Amino acid sequence: MENIIRALEGRVLWYGRARDMLLGRAPMKKPFDWPLTGLPSTETERTVYCAMLCGAISELENTIAMLRSEEV
């Protein structure tokens, strides 16, 4: 189970890095393997992309919490 949790945590970090770059919290890293469809080009696309990343991060964190609670 711990391997699955670590894999999910890695995904959270990857999505978080992409979100932070889109929001300007972290410098753009080139090349970066963007999680969804590549780097969005317009401001609207960036907003939607960021919302999708935030939703994915939230869902992954919830899943990790559930898995951890089952281990106890």
N, C-alpha and C. Protein backbone atom coordinates (compact mmCIF):
# COMPACT_ATOMS: atom_id res chain seq x y z
N MET A 1 0.82 -1.20 0.00
CA MET A 1 0.00 0.00 0.00
C MET A 1 0.86 1.26 0.00
N GLU A 2 2.00 1.19 0.70
CA GLU A 2 2.87 2.36 0.80
C GLU A 2 3.39 2.79 -0.58
N ASN A 3 3.65 1.83 -1.46
CA ASN A 3 4.11 2.17 -2.81
C ASN A 3 3.05 2.97 -3.57
N ILE A 4 1.81 2.60 -3.41
CA ILE A 4 0.71 3.31 -4.07
C ILE A 4 0.62 4.73 -3.53
N ILE A 5 0.71 4.86 -2.22
CA ILE A 5 0.62 6.18 -1.60
C ILE A 5 1.77 7.07 -2.08
N ARG A 6 2.97 6.52 -2.13
CA ARG A 6 4.12 7.30 -2.61
C ARG A 6 3.94 7.73 -4.05
N ALA A 7 3.38 6.86 -4.88
CA ALA A 7 3.13 7.22 -6.28
C ALA A 7 2.12 8.36 -6.37
N LEU A 8 1.08 8.29 -5.56
CA LEU A 8 0.08 9.35 -5.55
C LEU A 8 0.67 10.67 -5.04
N GLU A 9 1.51 10.59 -4.03
CA GLU A 9 2.17 11.79 -3.51
C GLU A 9 3.08 12.41 -4.57
N GLY A 10 3.73 11.58 -5.35
CA GLY A 10 4.56 12.08 -6.44
C GLY A 10 3.73 12.81 -7.47
N ARG A 11 2.55 12.29 -7.76
CA ARG A 11 1.65 12.93 -8.70
C ARG A 11 1.18 14.28 -8.16
N VAL A 12 0.91 14.34 -6.86
CA VAL A 12 0.51 15.61 -6.24
C VAL A 12 1.62 16.65 -6.40
N LEU A 13 2.86 16.23 -6.18
CA LEU A 13 3.98 17.15 -6.34
C LEU A 13 4.12 17.65 -7.78
N TRP A 14 3.94 16.75 -8.73
CA TRP A 14 4.04 17.10 -10.15
C TRP A 14 2.95 18.09 -10.53
N TYR A 15 1.72 17.80 -10.16
CA TYR A 15 0.61 18.71 -10.45
C TYR A 15 0.82 20.04 -9.72
N GLY A 16 1.30 19.99 -8.50
CA GLY A 16 1.56 21.22 -7.75
C GLY A 16 2.62 22.08 -8.41
N ARG A 17 3.64 21.44 -8.92
CA ARG A 17 4.70 22.19 -9.63
C ARG A 17 4.13 22.88 -10.87
N ALA A 18 3.31 22.16 -11.62
CA ALA A 18 2.68 22.75 -12.81
C ALA A 18 1.78 23.92 -12.41
N ARG A 19 0.98 23.74 -11.36
CA ARG A 19 0.10 24.81 -10.88
C ARG A 19 0.92 26.03 -10.47
N ASP A 20 1.99 25.81 -9.72
CA ASP A 20 2.81 26.92 -9.26
C ASP A 20 3.47 27.67 -10.42
N MET A 21 3.88 26.96 -11.44
CA MET A 21 4.46 27.63 -12.61
C MET A 21 3.40 28.46 -13.32
N LEU A 22 2.19 27.94 -13.45
CA LEU A 22 1.12 28.69 -14.10
C LEU A 22 0.76 29.95 -13.33
N LEU A 23 0.80 29.87 -12.01
CA LEU A 23 0.45 31.01 -11.17
C LEU A 23 1.61 31.97 -10.94
N GLY A 24 2.78 31.62 -11.43
CA GLY A 24 3.95 32.48 -11.27
C GLY A 24 4.63 32.33 -9.92
N ARG A 25 4.26 31.32 -9.15
CA ARG A 25 4.88 31.07 -7.85
C ARG A 25 6.24 30.40 -7.99
N ALA A 26 6.44 29.74 -9.11
CA ALA A 26 7.70 29.05 -9.39
C ALA A 26 8.13 29.41 -10.81
N PRO A 27 9.43 29.49 -11.05
CA PRO A 27 9.88 29.81 -12.40
C PRO A 27 9.53 28.69 -13.38
N MET A 28 9.25 29.07 -14.61
CA MET A 28 8.96 28.08 -15.65
C MET A 28 10.18 27.21 -15.86
N LYS A 29 9.96 25.94 -15.92
CA LYS A 29 11.04 24.96 -16.10
C LYS A 29 10.91 24.42 -17.52
N LYS A 30 11.98 24.50 -18.27
CA LYS A 30 11.94 23.97 -19.63
C LYS A 30 13.00 22.91 -19.75
N PRO A 31 12.74 21.77 -20.29
CA PRO A 31 11.39 21.31 -20.63
C PRO A 31 10.66 20.81 -19.38
N PHE A 32 9.35 20.86 -19.43
CA PHE A 32 8.51 20.35 -18.35
C PHE A 32 7.43 19.50 -18.98
N ASP A 33 7.26 18.31 -18.49
CA ASP A 33 6.25 17.39 -19.01
C ASP A 33 4.90 17.76 -18.38
N TRP A 34 4.14 18.62 -19.06
CA TRP A 34 2.88 19.12 -18.51
C TRP A 34 1.89 17.98 -18.37
N PRO A 35 1.17 17.93 -17.24
CA PRO A 35 0.29 16.81 -16.93
C PRO A 35 -0.88 16.58 -17.88
N LEU A 36 -1.47 17.60 -18.42
CA LEU A 36 -2.70 17.40 -19.19
C LEU A 36 -2.43 17.43 -20.69
N THR A 37 -2.46 18.60 -21.28
CA THR A 37 -2.36 18.68 -22.74
C THR A 37 -1.23 19.57 -23.22
N GLY A 38 -0.32 19.87 -22.37
CA GLY A 38 0.75 20.79 -22.73
C GLY A 38 0.48 22.17 -22.16
N LEU A 39 1.42 23.06 -22.34
CA LEU A 39 1.32 24.41 -21.80
C LEU A 39 0.19 25.18 -22.47
N PRO A 40 -0.78 25.68 -21.69
CA PRO A 40 -1.87 26.45 -22.28
C PRO A 40 -1.37 27.79 -22.81
N SER A 41 -1.99 28.26 -23.88
CA SER A 41 -1.47 29.46 -24.53
C SER A 41 -2.20 30.75 -24.16
N THR A 42 -3.48 30.69 -23.83
CA THR A 42 -4.23 31.90 -23.50
C THR A 42 -4.48 31.98 -22.00
N GLU A 43 -4.85 33.16 -21.55
CA GLU A 43 -5.14 33.35 -20.13
C GLU A 43 -6.33 32.50 -19.69
N THR A 44 -7.35 32.40 -20.54
CA THR A 44 -8.51 31.58 -20.22
C THR A 44 -8.12 30.12 -20.09
N GLU A 45 -7.30 29.63 -21.00
CA GLU A 45 -6.84 28.24 -20.94
C GLU A 45 -6.03 28.01 -19.67
N ARG A 46 -5.20 28.99 -19.29
CA ARG A 46 -4.40 28.86 -18.09
C ARG A 46 -5.29 28.78 -16.84
N THR A 47 -6.34 29.58 -16.83
CA THR A 47 -7.27 29.58 -15.69
C THR A 47 -7.96 28.23 -15.56
N VAL A 48 -8.46 27.71 -16.68
CA VAL A 48 -9.14 26.41 -16.67
C VAL A 48 -8.16 25.30 -16.31
N TYR A 49 -6.98 25.35 -16.87
CA TYR A 49 -5.94 24.35 -16.60
C TYR A 49 -5.59 24.34 -15.12
N CYS A 50 -5.43 25.54 -14.55
CA CYS A 50 -5.10 25.65 -13.15
C CYS A 50 -6.22 25.08 -12.28
N ALA A 51 -7.47 25.35 -12.65
CA ALA A 51 -8.61 24.81 -11.90
C ALA A 51 -8.62 23.28 -11.97
N MET A 52 -8.32 22.73 -13.13
CA MET A 52 -8.27 21.27 -13.25
C MET A 52 -7.15 20.69 -12.39
N LEU A 53 -6.00 21.34 -12.39
CA LEU A 53 -4.89 20.86 -11.56
C LEU A 53 -5.24 20.93 -10.08
N CYS A 54 -5.87 22.03 -9.67
CA CYS A 54 -6.26 22.17 -8.26
C CYS A 54 -7.26 21.08 -7.86
N GLY A 55 -8.21 20.79 -8.75
CA GLY A 55 -9.18 19.73 -8.48
C GLY A 55 -8.50 18.37 -8.39
N ALA A 56 -7.57 18.11 -9.28
CA ALA A 56 -6.85 16.84 -9.27
C ALA A 56 -6.02 16.70 -7.99
N ILE A 57 -5.36 17.77 -7.59
CA ILE A 57 -4.56 17.74 -6.37
C ILE A 57 -5.46 17.44 -5.17
N SER A 58 -6.59 18.10 -5.10
CA SER A 58 -7.53 17.88 -4.00
C SER A 58 -8.01 16.44 -3.96
N GLU A 59 -8.38 15.89 -5.09
CA GLU A 59 -8.84 14.50 -5.14
C GLU A 59 -7.75 13.52 -4.75
N LEU A 60 -6.54 13.77 -5.22
CA LEU A 60 -5.42 12.89 -4.87
C LEU A 60 -5.13 12.95 -3.37
N GLU A 61 -5.15 14.16 -2.81
CA GLU A 61 -4.91 14.29 -1.38
C GLU A 61 -6.00 13.57 -0.57
N ASN A 62 -7.25 13.64 -1.02
CA ASN A 62 -8.33 12.92 -0.36
C ASN A 62 -8.11 11.41 -0.44
N THR A 63 -7.69 10.95 -1.60
CA THR A 63 -7.43 9.52 -1.79
C THR A 63 -6.30 9.06 -0.88
N ILE A 64 -5.23 9.85 -0.81
CA ILE A 64 -4.10 9.51 0.06
C ILE A 64 -4.57 9.43 1.51
N ALA A 65 -5.37 10.38 1.93
CA ALA A 65 -5.87 10.38 3.31
C ALA A 65 -6.72 9.13 3.58
N MET A 66 -7.56 8.75 2.63
CA MET A 66 -8.37 7.54 2.81
C MET A 66 -7.50 6.29 2.89
N LEU A 67 -6.50 6.20 2.03
CA LEU A 67 -5.62 5.04 2.05
C LEU A 67 -4.85 4.96 3.35
N ARG A 68 -4.38 6.10 3.82
CA ARG A 68 -3.64 6.12 5.09
C ARG A 68 -4.54 5.70 6.25
N SER A 69 -5.80 6.11 6.23
CA SER A 69 -6.71 5.75 7.32
C SER A 69 -7.02 4.26 7.31
N GLU A 70 -6.98 3.63 6.14
CA GLU A 70 -7.22 2.20 6.05
C GLU A 70 -6.05 1.39 6.57
N GLU A 71 -4.85 1.99 6.56
CA GLU A 71 -3.65 1.29 7.03
C GLU A 71 -3.65 1.13 8.55
N VAL A 72 -4.33 2.01 9.24
CA VAL A 72 -4.30 2.02 10.71
C VAL A 72 -5.01 0.84 11.30
